[in-house]
Amino acid sequence: MIGVADEPADVDGRVPPRERGARSDPALPGGGVLAIAVVGLALGLAATAIVLGRGWDPGAVAVGPWVTHPRIGTPSIDPYARAELARSGAVPMASSEGLSFAATTDDTGYRLVSTCTYRLSGAVPPARFWTLTATDRAGLTLGGDAGRSAFTSTTVIRDASGGFVIEAGPEARPGNWMALSGDGPLTLTLRLYDTPLTGDTGEIASAALPGITRESCGGPG
């Protein structure tokens, strides 16, 4: 006669009934899935914030101290540049309008500050019209009532070869003088309107842009 395996008995010697429908591998609670999703989102946001804070942009093209983002005004804008625009609230130039270059350092890599005097010399790439402005950390134009705070292709004084020299600083200078005020970091922005330069990074990287030389400094550079 075939025997039957004994069932575990309780303290009274009785065999407890089997629990019908019992599962040996309980599913992950819904709260655990939600917690994983929240942690993943937080890590993604933190990584994006670090990237934006360090100024890294895979779509940027540098020409000396000048940096441009040719894909910002196009449908192929990268996610980091899109996030930076959302954070700063800046309105970029559309690709059909032209290109915008920004410089925050001089030719040697020192940070631009409004207490120093800089010499911008050379020429700009072909464009129907261009503007050059100096702004502070908040994006406000420097200079105010002290003097001219911006130059354009129609107001700059050129030499015989078509080039120009602009002196940017707190002290008035003869010729093309761009007045700087305050004592903090500044950004020079060159906007080229209706330029034949395209979004091709090689073409942009080989373009000739004005050099930025620090001549003197009345404060920390």
C-alpha atoms as a PDB file:
ATOM      1  CA  MET A   1       0.000   0.000   0.000  1.00  0.00           C
ATOM      2  CA  ILE A   2       1.350   3.378  -1.019  1.00  0.00           C
ATOM      3  CA  GLY A   3       1.838   5.699   1.911  1.00  0.00           C
ATOM      4  CA  VAL A   4       0.814   9.375   2.016  1.00  0.00           C
ATOM      5  CA  ALA A   5       3.221  12.014   3.256  1.00  0.00           C
ATOM      6  CA  ASP A   6       2.332  13.259   6.655  1.00  0.00           C
ATOM      7  CA  GLU A   7       0.919  16.793   6.911  1.00  0.00           C
ATOM      8  CA  PRO A   8       2.454  19.024   9.598  1.00  0.00           C
ATOM      9  CA  ALA A   9       0.295  18.983  12.688  1.00  0.00           C
ATOM     10  CA  ASP A  10      -0.504  21.769  15.114  1.00  0.00           C
ATOM     11  CA  VAL A  11      -0.032  21.545  18.833  1.00  0.00           C
ATOM     12  CA  ASP A  12      -3.322  19.574  19.191  1.00  0.00           C
ATOM     13  CA  GLY A  13      -2.255  16.955  16.661  1.00  0.00           C
ATOM     14  CA  ARG A  14      -4.670  18.190  14.002  1.00  0.00           C
ATOM     15  CA  VAL A  15      -3.573  18.809  10.437  1.00  0.00           C
ATOM     16  CA  PRO A  16      -4.394  22.398   9.307  1.00  0.00           C
ATOM     17  CA  PRO A  17      -6.243  22.710   5.994  1.00  0.00           C
ATOM     18  CA  ARG A  18      -4.255  23.804   2.933  1.00  0.00           C
ATOM     19  CA  GLU A  19      -4.504  27.487   1.969  1.00  0.00           C
ATOM     20  CA  ARG A  20      -6.047  27.481  -1.427  1.00  0.00           C
ATOM     21  CA  GLY A  21      -4.711  29.974  -4.024  1.00  0.00           C
ATOM     22  CA  ALA A  22      -1.568  30.798  -2.003  1.00  0.00           C
ATOM     23  CA  ARG A  23       1.317  32.350  -4.065  1.00  0.00           C
ATOM     24  CA  SER A  24       4.957  31.597  -3.444  1.00  0.00           C
ATOM     25  CA  ASP A  25       6.279  34.716  -5.327  1.00  0.00           C
ATOM     26  CA  PRO A  26       4.302  37.785  -4.311  1.00  0.00           C
ATOM     27  CA  ALA A  27       4.312  40.620  -6.874  1.00  0.00           C
ATOM     28  CA  LEU A  28       6.287  43.836  -6.313  1.00  0.00           C
ATOM     29  CA  PRO A  29       3.986  46.289  -4.542  1.00  0.00           C
ATOM     30  CA  GLY A  30       2.783  49.227  -6.631  1.00  0.00           C
ATOM     31  CA  GLY A  31       4.507  51.642  -4.277  1.00  0.00           C
ATOM     32  CA  GLY A  32       7.881  50.082  -5.101  1.00  0.00           C
ATOM     33  CA  VAL A  33       7.445  50.680  -8.839  1.00  0.00           C
ATOM     34  CA  LEU A  34       6.464  54.286  -8.194  1.00  0.00           C
ATOM     35  CA  ALA A  35       9.484  54.815  -5.940  1.00  0.00           C
ATOM     36  CA  ILE A  36      11.832  53.503  -8.656  1.00  0.00           C
ATOM     37  CA  ALA A  37      10.268  55.845 -11.218  1.00  0.00           C
ATOM     38  CA  VAL A  38      10.611  58.850  -8.903  1.00  0.00           C
ATOM     39  CA  VAL A  39      14.267  58.058  -8.161  1.00  0.00           C
ATOM     40  CA  GLY A  40      15.015  57.678 -11.889  1.00  0.00           C
ATOM     41  CA  LEU A  41      13.359  61.014 -12.674  1.00  0.00           C
ATOM     42  CA  ALA A  42      15.254  62.758  -9.878  1.00  0.00           C
ATOM     43  CA  LEU A  43      18.584  61.362 -11.104  1.00  0.00           C
ATOM     44  CA  GLY A  44      17.825  62.489 -14.660  1.00  0.00           C
ATOM     45  CA  LEU A  45      16.957  66.020 -13.544  1.00  0.00           C
ATOM     46  CA  ALA A  46      20.071  66.196 -11.366  1.00  0.00           C
ATOM     47  CA  ALA A  47      22.310  65.093 -14.243  1.00  0.00           C
ATOM     48  CA  THR A  48      20.766  67.703 -16.553  1.00  0.00           C
ATOM     49  CA  ALA A  49      21.248  70.434 -13.949  1.00  0.00           C
ATOM     50  CA  ILE A  50      24.930  69.511 -13.553  1.00  0.00           C
ATOM     51  CA  VAL A  51      25.465  69.566 -17.319  1.00  0.00           C
ATOM     52  CA  LEU A  52      23.789  72.958 -17.688  1.00  0.00           C
ATOM     53  CA  GLY A  53      25.652  74.372 -14.705  1.00  0.00           C
ATOM     54  CA  ARG A  54      28.999  73.408 -16.228  1.00  0.00           C
ATOM     55  CA  GLY A  55      28.031  74.937 -19.572  1.00  0.00           C
ATOM     56  CA  TRP A  56      28.611  71.735 -21.544  1.00  0.00           C
ATOM     57  CA  ASP A  57      26.721  71.607 -24.816  1.00  0.00           C
ATOM     58  CA  PRO A  58      27.392  68.878 -27.389  1.00  0.00           C
ATOM     59  CA  GLY A  59      25.990  71.124 -30.150  1.00  0.00           C
ATOM     60  CA  ALA A  60      28.260  74.125 -29.477  1.00  0.00           C
ATOM     61  CA  VAL A  61      30.909  75.261 -31.977  1.00  0.00           C
ATOM     62  CA  ALA A  62      33.844  77.357 -30.712  1.00  0.00           C
ATOM     63  CA  VAL A  63      35.854  79.809 -32.816  1.00  0.00           C
ATOM     64  CA  GLY A  64      38.519  81.146 -30.473  1.00  0.00           C
ATOM     65  CA  PRO A  65      36.663  82.718 -27.528  1.00  0.00           C
ATOM     66  CA  TRP A  66      33.436  82.913 -29.545  1.00  0.00           C
ATOM     67  CA  VAL A  67      30.853  80.148 -29.188  1.00  0.00           C
ATOM     68  CA  THR A  68      27.749  79.553 -31.264  1.00  0.00           C
ATOM     69  CA  HIS A  69      24.956  76.965 -31.199  1.00  0.00           C
ATOM     70  CA  PRO A  70      23.941  76.515 -34.835  1.00  0.00           C
ATOM     71  CA  ARG A  71      21.228  73.954 -34.084  1.00  0.00           C
ATOM     72  CA  ILE A  72      19.357  76.034 -31.518  1.00  0.00           C
ATOM     73  CA  GLY A  73      17.174  77.726 -34.127  1.00  0.00           C
ATOM     74  CA  THR A  74      16.426  74.484 -35.953  1.00  0.00           C
ATOM     75  CA  PRO A  75      14.134  71.491 -35.360  1.00  0.00           C
ATOM     76  CA  SER A  76      17.249  69.372 -34.606  1.00  0.00           C
ATOM     77  CA  ILE A  77      18.077  71.298 -31.399  1.00  0.00           C
ATOM     78  CA  ASP A  78      19.643  68.967 -28.836  1.00  0.00           C
ATOM     79  CA  PRO A  79      17.851  68.352 -25.500  1.00  0.00           C
ATOM     80  CA  TYR A  80      20.531  70.090 -23.404  1.00  0.00           C
ATOM     81  CA  ALA A  81      20.289  73.302 -25.439  1.00  0.00           C
ATOM     82  CA  ARG A  82      16.492  73.124 -25.216  1.00  0.00           C
ATOM     83  CA  ALA A  83      16.714  72.771 -21.428  1.00  0.00           C
ATOM     84  CA  GLU A  84      19.112  75.731 -21.194  1.00  0.00           C
ATOM     85  CA  LEU A  85      16.704  77.927 -23.180  1.00  0.00           C
ATOM     86  CA  ALA A  86      13.863  76.888 -20.880  1.00  0.00           C
ATOM     87  CA  ARG A  87      16.001  77.714 -17.820  1.00  0.00           C
ATOM     88  CA  SER A  88      17.274  81.083 -19.060  1.00  0.00           C
ATOM     89  CA  GLY A  89      14.178  82.248 -20.929  1.00  0.00           C
ATOM     90  CA  ALA A  90      16.357  83.421 -23.844  1.00  0.00           C
ATOM     91  CA  VAL A  91      14.851  83.731 -27.321  1.00  0.00           C
ATOM     92  CA  PRO A  92      17.292  82.316 -29.907  1.00  0.00           C
ATOM     93  CA  MET A  93      17.719  83.481 -33.483  1.00  0.00           C
ATOM     94  CA  ALA A  94      15.964  81.298 -36.025  1.00  0.00           C
ATOM     95  CA  SER A  95      18.236  79.573 -38.517  1.00  0.00           C
ATOM     96  CA  SER A  96      16.686  81.642 -41.299  1.00  0.00           C
ATOM     97  CA  GLU A  97      17.693  84.876 -39.490  1.00  0.00           C
ATOM     98  CA  GLY A  98      21.390  84.160 -39.002  1.00  0.00           C
ATOM     99  CA  LEU A  99      23.872  83.128 -36.319  1.00  0.00           C
ATOM    100  CA  SER A 100      24.663  84.436 -32.853  1.00  0.00           C
ATOM    101  CA  PHE A 101      28.140  84.169 -31.281  1.00  0.00           C
ATOM    102  CA  ALA A 102      28.870  84.821 -27.602  1.00  0.00           C
ATOM    103  CA  ALA A 103      32.211  85.339 -25.833  1.00  0.00           C
ATOM    104  CA  THR A 104      32.739  85.208 -22.067  1.00  0.00           C
ATOM    105  CA  THR A 105      36.567  85.087 -22.158  1.00  0.00           C
ATOM    106  CA  ASP A 106      39.342  86.864 -24.036  1.00  0.00           C
ATOM    107  CA  ASP A 107      41.763  85.194 -26.457  1.00  0.00           C
ATOM    108  CA  THR A 108      43.884  83.853 -23.582  1.00  0.00           C
ATOM    109  CA  GLY A 109      40.948  82.332 -21.692  1.00  0.00           C
ATOM    110  CA  TYR A 110      40.582  84.950 -18.936  1.00  0.00           C
ATOM    111  CA  ARG A 111      37.024  85.783 -17.919  1.00  0.00           C
ATOM    112  CA  LEU A 112      35.665  89.034 -19.363  1.00  0.00           C
ATOM    113  CA  VAL A 113      34.853  91.586 -16.638  1.00  0.00           C
ATOM    114  CA  SER A 114      33.496  95.103 -16.986  1.00  0.00           C
ATOM    115  CA  THR A 115      36.343  96.735 -15.010  1.00  0.00           C
ATOM    116  CA  CYS A 116      38.850  95.805 -17.721  1.00  0.00           C
ATOM    117  CA  THR A 117      39.542  97.317 -21.137  1.00  0.00           C
ATOM    118  CA  TYR A 118      39.521  95.073 -24.200  1.00  0.00           C
ATOM    119  CA  ARG A 119      40.545  95.530 -27.803  1.00  0.00           C
ATOM    120  CA  LEU A 120      38.371  93.830 -30.412  1.00  0.00           C
ATOM    121  CA  SER A 121      40.014  93.801 -33.806  1.00  0.00           C
ATOM    122  CA  GLY A 122      39.644  92.100 -37.156  1.00  0.00           C
ATOM    123  CA  ALA A 123      36.575  91.509 -39.243  1.00  0.00           C
ATOM    124  CA  VAL A 124      33.331  89.591 -39.110  1.00  0.00           C
ATOM    125  CA  PRO A 125      32.023  86.913 -41.483  1.00  0.00           C
ATOM    126  CA  PRO A 126      29.915  88.126 -44.426  1.00  0.00           C
ATOM    127  CA  ALA A 127      26.468  89.278 -43.321  1.00  0.00           C
ATOM    128  CA  ARG A 128      23.862  91.742 -44.492  1.00  0.00           C
ATOM    129  CA  PHE A 129      23.859  93.294 -41.016  1.00  0.00           C
ATOM    130  CA  TRP A 130      25.547  92.597 -37.688  1.00  0.00           C
ATOM    131  CA  THR A 131      25.381  93.861 -34.106  1.00  0.00           C
ATOM    132  CA  LEU A 132      27.813  93.696 -31.195  1.00  0.00           C
ATOM    133  CA  THR A 133      26.580  94.147 -27.621  1.00  0.00           C
ATOM    134  CA  ALA A 134      27.970  93.802 -24.090  1.00  0.00           C
ATOM    135  CA  THR A 135      25.688  92.478 -21.347  1.00  0.00           C
ATOM    136  CA  ASP A 136      26.024  91.608 -17.673  1.00  0.00           C
ATOM    137  CA  ARG A 137      25.219  88.324 -15.929  1.00  0.00           C
ATOM    138  CA  ALA A 138      21.491  89.160 -15.953  1.00  0.00           C
ATOM    139  CA  GLY A 139      21.519  89.899 -19.694  1.00  0.00           C
ATOM    140  CA  LEU A 140      21.219  93.684 -19.241  1.00  0.00           C
ATOM    141  CA  THR A 141      23.122  95.936 -21.639  1.00  0.00           C
ATOM    142  CA  LEU A 142      26.188  97.603 -20.126  1.00  0.00           C
ATOM    143  CA  GLY A 143      27.182 101.221 -20.642  1.00  0.00           C
ATOM    144  CA  GLY A 144      23.945 103.097 -20.058  1.00  0.00           C
ATOM    145  CA  ASP A 145      24.423 106.863 -20.279  1.00  0.00           C
ATOM    146  CA  ALA A 146      28.213 106.591 -20.107  1.00  0.00           C
ATOM    147  CA  GLY A 147      28.555 106.071 -23.843  1.00  0.00           C
ATOM    148  CA  ARG A 148      27.787 103.745 -26.724  1.00  0.00           C
ATOM    149  CA  SER A 149      26.848 100.311 -25.439  1.00  0.00           C
ATOM    150  CA  ALA A 150      26.581  98.575 -28.812  1.00  0.00           C
ATOM    151  CA  PHE A 151      27.932  98.684 -32.348  1.00  0.00           C
ATOM    152  CA  THR A 152      26.445  97.676 -35.671  1.00  0.00           C
ATOM    153  CA  SER A 153      27.827  97.152 -39.148  1.00  0.00           C
ATOM    154  CA  THR A 154      26.554 100.625 -40.074  1.00  0.00           C
ATOM    155  CA  THR A 155      27.936 102.559 -37.073  1.00  0.00           C
ATOM    156  CA  VAL A 156      31.427 101.094 -36.665  1.00  0.00           C
ATOM    157  CA  ILE A 157      34.368 103.074 -38.078  1.00  0.00           C
ATOM    158  CA  ARG A 158      36.442 100.897 -40.409  1.00  0.00           C
ATOM    159  CA  ASP A 159      40.014 101.113 -41.629  1.00  0.00           C
ATOM    160  CA  ALA A 160      41.136 101.103 -45.267  1.00  0.00           C
ATOM    161  CA  SER A 161      41.086  97.300 -45.431  1.00  0.00           C
ATOM    162  CA  GLY A 162      37.501  97.085 -44.172  1.00  0.00           C
ATOM    163  CA  GLY A 163      38.495  95.866 -40.710  1.00  0.00           C
ATOM    164  CA  PHE A 164      37.880  97.672 -37.445  1.00  0.00           C
ATOM    165  CA  VAL A 165      39.140  98.141 -33.903  1.00  0.00           C
ATOM    166  CA  ILE A 166      36.707  98.532 -30.990  1.00  0.00           C
ATOM    167  CA  GLU A 167      37.864  99.503 -27.509  1.00  0.00           C
ATOM    168  CA  ALA A 168      35.529  98.196 -24.800  1.00  0.00           C
ATOM    169  CA  GLY A 169      36.103  99.460 -21.270  1.00  0.00           C
ATOM    170  CA  PRO A 170      35.052 101.851 -18.488  1.00  0.00           C
ATOM    171  CA  GLU A 171      37.350 104.692 -19.658  1.00  0.00           C
ATOM    172  CA  ALA A 172      36.434 106.744 -22.726  1.00  0.00           C
ATOM    173  CA  ARG A 173      38.635 106.159 -25.790  1.00  0.00           C
ATOM    174  CA  PRO A 174      38.801 107.893 -29.196  1.00  0.00           C
ATOM    175  CA  GLY A 175      37.300 106.086 -32.172  1.00  0.00           C
ATOM    176  CA  ASN A 176      35.120 103.040 -31.630  1.00  0.00           C
ATOM    177  CA  TRP A 177      34.572 103.006 -27.866  1.00  0.00           C
ATOM    178  CA  MET A 178      32.074 100.644 -26.196  1.00  0.00           C
ATOM    179  CA  ALA A 179      31.337 101.817 -22.678  1.00  0.00           C
ATOM    180  CA  LEU A 180      31.383  99.217 -19.891  1.00  0.00           C
ATOM    181  CA  SER A 181      29.868  99.798 -16.458  1.00  0.00           C
ATOM    182  CA  GLY A 182      29.651  97.810 -13.240  1.00  0.00           C
ATOM    183  CA  ASP A 183      32.246  95.425 -11.851  1.00  0.00           C
ATOM    184  CA  GLY A 184      31.082  91.925 -12.726  1.00  0.00           C
ATOM    185  CA  PRO A 185      31.412  89.379 -15.534  1.00  0.00           C
ATOM    186  CA  LEU A 186      30.232  90.352 -18.991  1.00  0.00           C
ATOM    187  CA  THR A 187      29.305  88.652 -22.236  1.00  0.00           C
ATOM    188  CA  LEU A 188      30.002  89.971 -25.719  1.00  0.00           C
ATOM    189  CA  THR A 189      27.424  88.890 -28.281  1.00  0.00           C
ATOM    190  CA  LEU A 190      27.903  89.156 -32.036  1.00  0.00           C
ATOM    191  CA  ARG A 191      24.776  88.579 -34.123  1.00  0.00           C
ATOM    192  CA  LEU A 192      25.060  88.020 -37.861  1.00  0.00           C
ATOM    193  CA  TYR A 193      21.855  88.609 -39.804  1.00  0.00           C
ATOM    194  CA  ASP A 194      21.289  87.082 -43.233  1.00  0.00           C
ATOM    195  CA  THR A 195      24.732  85.458 -43.352  1.00  0.00           C
ATOM    196  CA  PRO A 196      25.839  82.801 -45.832  1.00  0.00           C
ATOM    197  CA  LEU A 197      27.274  80.794 -42.918  1.00  0.00           C
ATOM    198  CA  THR A 198      25.172  77.676 -42.462  1.00  0.00           C
ATOM    199  CA  GLY A 199      24.807  75.128 -39.716  1.00  0.00           C
ATOM    200  CA  ASP A 200      27.795  73.213 -41.064  1.00  0.00           C
ATOM    201  CA  THR A 201      30.184  73.017 -38.111  1.00  0.00           C
ATOM    202  CA  GLY A 202      33.287  72.867 -40.285  1.00  0.00           C
ATOM    203  CA  GLU A 203      32.375  76.035 -42.136  1.00  0.00           C
ATOM    204  CA  ILE A 204      31.613  77.867 -38.891  1.00  0.00           C
ATOM    205  CA  ALA A 205      34.789  76.670 -37.153  1.00  0.00           C
ATOM    206  CA  SER A 206      36.923  78.090 -39.982  1.00  0.00           C
ATOM    207  CA  ALA A 207      35.209  81.499 -39.963  1.00  0.00           C
ATOM    208  CA  ALA A 208      37.217  84.633 -39.079  1.00  0.00           C
ATOM    209  CA  LEU A 209      35.928  86.474 -36.011  1.00  0.00           C
ATOM    210  CA  PRO A 210      37.297  89.491 -34.096  1.00  0.00           C
ATOM    211  CA  GLY A 211      40.103  88.840 -31.650  1.00  0.00           C
ATOM    212  CA  ILE A 212      39.592  89.889 -28.016  1.00  0.00           C
ATOM    213  CA  THR A 213      42.719  91.213 -26.262  1.00  0.00           C
ATOM    214  CA  ARG A 214      42.798  92.475 -22.683  1.00  0.00           C
ATOM    215  CA  GLU A 215      44.760  95.741 -22.559  1.00  0.00           C
ATOM    216  CA  SER A 216      44.367  96.764 -18.919  1.00  0.00           C
ATOM    217  CA  CYS A 217      42.327  95.881 -15.907  1.00  0.00           C
ATOM    218  CA  GLY A 218      41.182  97.927 -12.936  1.00  0.00           C
ATOM    219  CA  GLY A 219      39.950  94.926 -10.969  1.00  0.00           C
ATOM    220  CA  PRO A 220      40.295  91.182 -10.678  1.00  0.00           C
ATOM    221  CA  GLY A 221      40.265  89.383 -14.031  1.00  0.00           C
END
